[in-house]
């Protein structure tokens, strides 16, 4: 079995394949971020890195059985400017379409953010399938709604494991960070978990992990103030093995975790290949 992963990041797809127990002969990865590649090669040294997706040709590859990818979403996200296909990053979706046609794999999977219906319909028309919406809060303590276009027959939604923030936060953590302009940005008497963007209380599930770590993804109240979640807590929120990102800095790790997949959502989809 040969796998081609586009926009591979730190190879969450490979974690999922191994977790499900799907054996593969070759895992080809298209990625240009050197930090993400470093994490992947540290954990999966046999990964065959192909570089820029625009330079890959299906004719240069062996038979591909599974094509996967999460094309950049900045042009579709409700949080962003919603430039849709005018955004150069979101145009990379068409590279997925091109390689889907060139490789003609048995199975494919494309992940992206929740978006306007008009954008979703364009993607669905190109791929020939309607997306399935899954919230990562079923398999982790993170609210993360994503769309999955695939021809893998999916058996419903993942089982709800009822994991809360309290299950993943290290309450023995003594380090803390006072954000810049604390007195201007943060009201008094904030609760235990706070969304740093709107300063609202977070109950049970965290907000979606983001790539912008300057303000943090979640503030955790400790004895002397508030701190951001740690990389290991971010790994738990994405069902990534603890220590998986340890070969890069905390900042780089959090960014790629924000870009990554929630692994156990992907395992839920991949198990149907078996």
Protein backbone atom coordinates (compact mmCIF):
# COMPACT_ATOMS: atom_id res chain seq x y z
CA UNK A 1 0.00 0.00 0.00
CA UNK A 2 1.30 3.44 -0.95
CA UNK A 3 0.07 6.63 0.71
CA UNK A 4 0.44 10.19 -0.61
CA UNK A 5 -0.15 12.92 1.95
CA UNK A 6 -0.39 16.49 0.66
CA UNK A 7 0.16 19.44 3.02
CA UNK A 8 1.37 16.74 5.41
CA UNK A 9 2.40 19.03 8.26
CA UNK A 10 3.72 16.94 11.13
CA UNK A 11 2.10 13.80 9.66
CA UNK A 12 -0.99 13.36 11.81
CA UNK A 13 -2.31 11.11 9.03
CA UNK A 14 0.60 8.77 9.62
CA UNK A 15 -0.11 8.69 13.36
CA UNK A 16 -3.70 7.69 12.56
CA UNK A 17 -2.68 4.94 10.13
CA UNK A 18 -0.36 3.43 12.71
CA UNK A 19 -2.95 3.77 15.46
CA UNK A 20 -5.53 1.89 13.38
CA UNK A 21 -2.97 -0.73 12.37
CA UNK A 22 -3.06 -0.13 8.62
CA UNK A 23 0.21 -1.34 7.10
CA UNK A 24 1.72 0.67 4.27
CA UNK A 25 4.84 0.18 2.17
CA UNK A 26 5.59 3.81 1.34
CA UNK A 27 4.38 7.07 2.84
CA UNK A 28 5.02 10.02 0.52
CA UNK A 29 4.68 13.43 2.13
CA UNK A 30 4.40 16.85 0.51
CA UNK A 31 5.45 19.54 2.96
CA UNK A 32 7.63 22.67 2.82
CA UNK A 33 7.77 23.74 6.49
CA UNK A 34 11.17 22.63 7.80
CA UNK A 35 9.98 22.41 11.40
CA UNK A 36 7.05 20.15 10.53
CA UNK A 37 9.36 17.99 8.41
CA UNK A 38 11.78 17.75 11.34
CA UNK A 39 9.00 16.46 13.61
CA UNK A 40 7.83 13.96 11.00
CA UNK A 41 11.28 12.57 10.24
CA UNK A 42 12.07 12.26 13.94
CA UNK A 43 8.97 10.14 14.53
CA UNK A 44 8.75 8.42 11.14
CA UNK A 45 12.25 8.39 9.57
CA UNK A 46 11.11 6.29 6.61
CA UNK A 47 8.79 9.04 5.37
CA UNK A 48 9.61 10.01 1.78
CA UNK A 49 9.53 13.81 1.60
CA UNK A 50 8.59 15.20 -1.83
CA UNK A 51 8.62 18.94 -1.13
CA UNK A 52 6.34 21.47 -2.80
CA UNK A 53 3.00 20.02 -3.91
CA UNK A 54 3.13 22.05 -7.13
CA UNK A 55 6.24 20.13 -8.21
CA UNK A 56 4.78 16.66 -7.72
CA UNK A 57 3.61 14.67 -10.74
CA UNK A 58 1.49 11.58 -10.46
CA UNK A 59 3.44 9.97 -13.30
CA UNK A 60 6.59 10.05 -11.15
CA UNK A 61 4.99 8.02 -8.37
CA UNK A 62 4.07 4.35 -8.02
CA UNK A 63 0.45 3.30 -7.69
CA UNK A 64 -1.12 5.43 -4.90
CA UNK A 65 -3.77 3.64 -2.86
CA UNK A 66 -4.64 6.44 -0.43
CA UNK A 67 -4.45 10.19 -1.07
CA UNK A 68 -4.98 12.45 1.94
CA UNK A 69 -4.61 16.12 2.72
CA UNK A 70 -5.85 19.16 4.54
CA UNK A 71 -5.30 22.02 2.11
CA UNK A 72 -4.63 25.47 3.65
CA UNK A 73 -7.88 26.93 4.95
CA UNK A 74 -7.15 30.63 5.48
CA UNK A 75 -9.28 31.67 2.51
CA UNK A 76 -12.32 29.75 3.76
CA UNK A 77 -12.25 30.23 7.52
CA UNK A 78 -14.94 32.34 9.16
CA UNK A 79 -12.16 33.68 11.41
CA UNK A 80 -10.13 34.90 8.42
CA UNK A 81 -10.90 37.32 5.60
CA UNK A 82 -12.86 34.72 3.61
CA UNK A 83 -11.12 35.38 0.32
CA UNK A 84 -12.13 31.87 -0.76
CA UNK A 85 -10.34 30.72 -3.92
CA UNK A 86 -8.80 34.15 -4.47
CA UNK A 87 -6.48 33.40 -1.54
CA UNK A 88 -3.25 31.90 -2.91
CA UNK A 89 -3.10 29.40 -0.05
CA UNK A 90 -6.63 28.13 -0.62
CA UNK A 91 -5.93 27.79 -4.35
CA UNK A 92 -3.70 24.88 -3.35
CA UNK A 93 -6.94 22.88 -3.13
CA UNK A 94 -6.70 22.54 -6.90
CA UNK A 95 -3.34 20.79 -6.50
CA UNK A 96 -5.20 18.15 -4.50
CA UNK A 97 -7.72 17.87 -7.32
CA UNK A 98 -4.95 17.59 -9.92
CA UNK A 99 -3.15 14.81 -8.07
CA UNK A 100 -6.43 13.04 -7.36
CA UNK A 101 -6.94 12.88 -11.13
CA UNK A 102 -3.34 11.96 -11.91
CA UNK A 103 -2.99 9.26 -9.23
CA UNK A 104 -6.55 7.87 -9.28
CA UNK A 105 -6.21 6.36 -5.77
CA UNK A 106 -8.55 3.77 -4.34
CA UNK A 107 -9.36 6.07 -1.44
CA UNK A 108 -9.04 9.79 -0.78
CA UNK A 109 -9.64 12.13 2.14
CA UNK A 110 -9.66 15.95 2.18
CA UNK A 111 -10.14 17.94 5.38
CA UNK A 112 -11.00 21.62 5.71
CA UNK A 113 -12.73 24.12 7.97
CA UNK A 114 -16.43 24.84 8.24
CA UNK A 115 -17.13 27.36 5.47
CA UNK A 116 -19.85 29.09 3.49
CA UNK A 117 -22.10 26.78 1.49
CA UNK A 118 -21.01 28.29 -1.83
CA UNK A 119 -17.37 27.37 -1.18
CA UNK A 120 -18.30 23.94 0.18
CA UNK A 121 -20.38 23.17 -2.91
CA UNK A 122 -17.49 24.02 -5.24
CA UNK A 123 -15.20 21.59 -3.41
CA UNK A 124 -17.93 18.93 -3.40
CA UNK A 125 -18.46 19.31 -7.14
CA UNK A 126 -14.77 18.82 -7.84
CA UNK A 127 -14.43 15.81 -5.56
CA UNK A 128 -17.75 14.18 -6.36
CA UNK A 129 -18.77 13.65 -2.73
CA UNK A 130 -20.50 15.65 -0.02
CA UNK A 131 -18.52 16.35 3.16
CA UNK A 132 -19.18 14.88 6.56
CA UNK A 133 -19.00 17.31 9.49
CA UNK A 134 -17.30 16.07 12.65
CA UNK A 135 -16.53 18.00 15.83
CA UNK A 136 -13.30 16.91 17.54
CA UNK A 137 -15.01 17.37 20.90
CA UNK A 138 -16.22 13.79 20.52
CA UNK A 139 -12.68 12.39 20.79
CA UNK A 140 -10.95 15.14 22.78
CA UNK A 141 -11.48 18.13 25.04
CA UNK A 142 -11.40 20.55 22.09
CA UNK A 143 -14.22 22.09 20.09
CA UNK A 144 -13.00 21.81 16.50
CA UNK A 145 -15.62 21.52 13.74
CA UNK A 146 -14.18 20.27 10.45
CA UNK A 147 -15.47 19.03 7.10
CA UNK A 148 -14.22 15.74 5.63
CA UNK A 149 -14.64 14.87 1.96
CA UNK A 150 -13.91 11.20 1.36
CA UNK A 151 -14.94 8.11 -0.56
CA UNK A 152 -14.14 5.95 2.47
CA UNK A 153 -17.46 4.62 3.81
CA UNK A 154 -17.79 6.22 7.26
CA UNK A 155 -19.93 4.53 9.88
CA UNK A 156 -21.55 7.49 11.61
CA UNK A 157 -19.88 9.85 14.09
CA UNK A 158 -17.05 8.91 16.47
CA UNK A 159 -18.07 7.72 19.91
CA UNK A 160 -18.33 10.55 22.43
CA UNK A 161 -15.62 9.90 25.03
CA UNK A 162 -16.82 12.74 27.27
CA UNK A 163 -13.30 14.17 27.75
CA UNK A 164 -13.19 17.53 29.53
CA UNK A 165 -10.50 20.18 29.92
CA UNK A 166 -9.90 19.00 33.47
CA UNK A 167 -8.90 15.60 32.07
CA UNK A 168 -5.97 17.02 30.10
CA UNK A 169 -4.73 20.04 32.07
CA UNK A 170 -1.68 19.55 34.26
CA UNK A 171 -2.86 21.10 37.53
CA UNK A 172 0.58 20.73 39.11
CA UNK A 173 1.97 23.29 36.65
CA UNK A 174 3.54 26.18 38.58
CA UNK A 175 4.90 28.24 35.69
CA UNK A 176 2.75 31.14 34.62
CA UNK A 177 2.77 33.93 32.05
CA UNK A 178 1.45 37.44 32.57
CA UNK A 179 0.35 38.57 29.08
CA UNK A 180 1.40 42.01 27.82
CA UNK A 181 -0.75 44.90 29.04
CA UNK A 182 -2.40 42.55 31.48
CA UNK A 183 -4.17 45.38 33.30
CA UNK A 184 -5.63 46.69 30.03
CA UNK A 185 -6.69 43.42 28.47
CA UNK A 186 -7.85 41.22 31.31
CA UNK A 187 -10.68 42.00 33.73
CA UNK A 188 -10.48 41.01 37.38
CA UNK A 189 -11.65 37.70 38.80
CA UNK A 190 -11.43 35.68 35.61
CA UNK A 191 -12.57 32.05 35.89
CA UNK A 192 -10.36 28.95 35.72
CA UNK A 193 -10.28 28.63 31.92
CA UNK A 194 -10.52 31.65 29.63
CA UNK A 195 -10.64 32.20 25.88
CA UNK A 196 -7.87 34.79 25.35
CA UNK A 197 -9.62 36.36 22.34
CA UNK A 198 -12.93 37.26 23.91
CA UNK A 199 -12.06 36.69 27.60
CA UNK A 200 -15.10 34.47 28.04
CA UNK A 201 -15.19 31.52 30.36
CA UNK A 202 -14.54 28.14 28.78
CA UNK A 203 -16.69 25.32 30.10
CA UNK A 204 -15.81 21.65 29.68
CA UNK A 205 -14.26 21.91 26.18
CA UNK A 206 -11.47 24.21 24.97
CA UNK A 207 -11.75 26.51 22.00
CA UNK A 208 -10.24 25.42 18.69
CA UNK A 209 -6.45 25.27 18.77
CA UNK A 210 -5.13 28.10 16.59
CA UNK A 211 -1.84 28.65 14.81
CA UNK A 212 -1.51 32.16 16.28
CA UNK A 213 0.05 31.48 19.65
CA UNK A 214 0.83 35.10 20.60
CA UNK A 215 -2.32 35.41 22.68
CA UNK A 216 -2.49 31.73 23.50
CA UNK A 217 -5.31 29.29 22.81
CA UNK A 218 -6.52 29.13 26.37
CA UNK A 219 -5.52 30.77 29.64
CA UNK A 220 -5.34 28.46 32.63
CA UNK A 221 -5.61 29.99 36.10
CA UNK A 222 -2.75 29.04 38.42
CA UNK A 223 -1.71 30.24 41.83
CA UNK A 224 0.13 33.39 40.69
CA UNK A 225 -1.77 34.37 37.55
CA UNK A 226 -2.64 32.76 34.25
CA UNK A 227 -0.68 30.67 31.79
CA UNK A 228 -1.18 29.42 28.25
CA UNK A 229 -1.68 25.72 27.64
CA UNK A 230 1.55 23.76 27.23
CA UNK A 231 2.63 21.88 24.13
CA UNK A 232 1.86 18.55 25.84
CA UNK A 233 -1.66 19.73 26.65
CA UNK A 234 -2.00 20.79 23.01
CA UNK A 235 -0.88 17.32 21.94
CA UNK A 236 -3.58 15.79 24.13
CA UNK A 237 -6.20 18.11 22.63
CA UNK A 238 -5.21 16.81 19.18
CA UNK A 239 -4.89 13.14 20.28
CA UNK A 240 -1.18 13.34 19.41
CA UNK A 241 1.24 11.20 21.50
CA UNK A 242 2.83 13.13 24.37
CA UNK A 243 6.30 14.28 23.37
CA UNK A 244 5.69 13.90 19.62
CA UNK A 245 6.70 17.53 18.95
CA UNK A 246 9.59 17.74 21.42
CA UNK A 247 12.26 18.17 18.71
CA UNK A 248 11.09 21.74 17.96
CA UNK A 249 10.45 24.78 20.13
CA UNK A 250 7.26 25.22 22.14
CA UNK A 251 6.11 28.02 19.81
CA UNK A 252 6.70 25.98 16.64
CA UNK A 253 5.03 22.96 18.21
CA UNK A 254 1.89 24.88 19.13
CA UNK A 255 1.66 26.37 15.64
CA UNK A 256 1.83 22.99 13.92
CA UNK A 257 -0.61 21.50 16.42
CA UNK A 258 -3.03 24.27 15.47
CA UNK A 259 -2.50 23.35 11.82
CA UNK A 260 -2.82 19.63 12.45
CA UNK A 261 -5.58 17.06 12.52
CA UNK A 262 -7.34 15.62 15.54
CA UNK A 263 -5.87 12.15 15.19
CA UNK A 264 -8.72 10.06 16.58
CA UNK A 265 -11.21 11.65 14.20
CA UNK A 266 -8.97 10.46 11.36
CA UNK A 267 -8.65 6.99 12.91
CA UNK A 268 -12.45 6.82 13.01
CA UNK A 269 -12.46 7.40 9.25
CA UNK A 270 -9.46 5.18 8.43
CA UNK A 271 -10.76 2.15 10.32
CA UNK A 272 -13.42 1.81 7.64
CA UNK A 273 -10.69 1.09 5.08
CA UNK A 274 -10.07 -2.17 6.95
